Amino acid sequence: MGKIGSRRALRPDFVKILQAIPSSQPTFMCIDALNECVALHRVKLLNSLKQFLEKSPSTRIFITGRPYIRAVGARRLGGRAITVFVGPRT
């Protein structure tokens, strides 16, 4: 997983951070380059995000990554994911 501050973020740390966000507040988060996360950690992260989204419907998450990440995200986040392709014009 990426870094928070000057140390590597662990999944339990990330979940604690998510739990500290009030569910009634509109919240926006961005997770960049999800494809660079080790596959096992990616699955655990997406599962944690799904649980968080179920408890916090006002949260929106923007995830970037390679094209195959769309399928992984949609599968793990269920109906909570909308995908948008961004790329160069050809």
Protein backbone atom coordinates (compact mmCIF):
# COMPACT_ATOMS: atom_id res chain seq x y z
CA MET A 1 0.00 0.00 0.00
CA GLY A 2 1.13 3.61 -0.38
CA LYS A 3 2.53 5.94 2.19
CA ILE A 4 0.84 8.16 4.71
CA GLY A 5 3.27 10.74 6.02
CA SER A 6 6.73 9.20 6.11
CA ARG A 7 5.82 5.58 6.77
CA ARG A 8 4.14 2.78 4.92
CA ALA A 9 0.40 2.57 5.56
CA LEU A 10 -0.86 -0.77 6.76
CA ARG A 11 -4.40 -1.93 6.08
CA PRO A 12 -5.44 -1.76 9.76
CA ASP A 13 -4.17 1.85 9.86
CA PHE A 14 -6.14 2.66 6.74
CA VAL A 15 -9.33 1.13 8.15
CA LYS A 16 -8.90 3.15 11.37
CA ILE A 17 -8.56 6.32 9.32
CA LEU A 18 -11.73 5.49 7.40
CA GLN A 19 -13.63 4.75 10.61
CA ALA A 20 -12.67 8.18 11.99
CA ILE A 21 -14.51 9.95 9.15
CA PRO A 22 -18.05 10.90 10.17
CA SER A 23 -20.51 9.03 7.95
CA SER A 24 -22.77 12.08 7.63
CA GLN A 25 -20.07 14.32 6.14
CA PRO A 26 -19.56 14.39 2.36
CA THR A 27 -16.16 12.82 1.86
CA PHE A 28 -14.02 12.51 -1.25
CA MET A 29 -10.89 10.41 -1.51
CA CYS A 30 -8.49 9.58 -4.29
CA ILE A 31 -6.49 6.37 -4.57
CA ASP A 32 -3.87 6.71 -7.27
CA ALA A 33 -2.22 3.87 -9.20
CA LEU A 34 -4.18 1.03 -7.60
CA ASN A 35 -2.58 -1.35 -10.11
CA GLU A 36 0.76 -0.82 -8.33
CA CYS A 37 -0.63 -2.36 -5.16
CA VAL A 38 0.17 -6.06 -4.66
CA ALA A 39 -2.88 -8.09 -5.80
CA LEU A 40 -3.59 -9.58 -2.36
CA HIS A 41 -3.43 -6.15 -0.69
CA ARG A 42 -5.53 -4.66 -3.49
CA VAL A 43 -8.34 -7.14 -2.81
CA LYS A 44 -8.21 -6.46 0.94
CA LEU A 45 -8.20 -2.70 0.34
CA LEU A 46 -11.17 -2.86 -2.02
CA ASN A 47 -13.08 -5.07 0.43
CA SER A 48 -12.40 -2.55 3.21
CA LEU A 49 -13.54 0.28 0.95
CA LYS A 50 -16.76 -1.57 0.15
CA GLN A 51 -17.50 -2.01 3.87
CA PHE A 52 -16.77 1.66 4.45
CA LEU A 53 -19.01 2.76 1.55
CA GLU A 54 -21.89 0.70 2.94
CA LYS A 55 -21.67 2.68 6.20
CA SER A 56 -20.93 6.04 4.58
CA PRO A 57 -23.16 6.60 1.54
CA SER A 58 -22.03 10.23 1.15
CA THR A 59 -18.46 9.15 0.36
CA ARG A 60 -17.11 9.21 -3.18
CA ILE A 61 -13.87 7.47 -4.14
CA PHE A 62 -11.83 8.22 -7.25
CA ILE A 63 -9.47 5.37 -8.16
CA THR A 64 -6.87 5.49 -10.91
CA GLY A 65 -5.03 2.57 -12.45
CA ARG A 66 -4.42 0.57 -15.57
CA PRO A 67 -7.49 -0.49 -17.63
CA TYR A 68 -7.83 -3.91 -15.95
CA ILE A 69 -8.38 -2.17 -12.61
CA ARG A 70 -11.88 -1.18 -13.78
CA ALA A 71 -13.00 -4.81 -13.75
CA VAL A 72 -11.32 -5.51 -10.40
CA GLY A 73 -12.89 -2.43 -8.82
CA ALA A 74 -16.34 -3.11 -10.24
CA ARG A 75 -16.23 -6.72 -9.04
CA ARG A 76 -15.09 -5.81 -5.51
CA LEU A 77 -17.20 -2.69 -5.04
CA GLY A 78 -20.35 -4.12 -6.58
CA GLY A 79 -22.80 -1.53 -7.85
CA ARG A 80 -20.95 1.27 -6.10
CA ALA A 81 -18.42 1.76 -8.91
CA ILE A 82 -18.74 3.91 -12.00
CA THR A 83 -15.86 3.74 -14.45
CA VAL A 84 -14.62 6.45 -16.75
CA PHE A 85 -11.90 5.84 -19.32
CA VAL A 86 -9.36 8.64 -19.55
CA GLY A 87 -6.70 8.40 -22.21
CA PRO A 88 -5.10 10.13 -25.15
CA ARG A 89 -7.10 10.89 -28.25
CA THR A 90 -6.08 8.82 -31.24
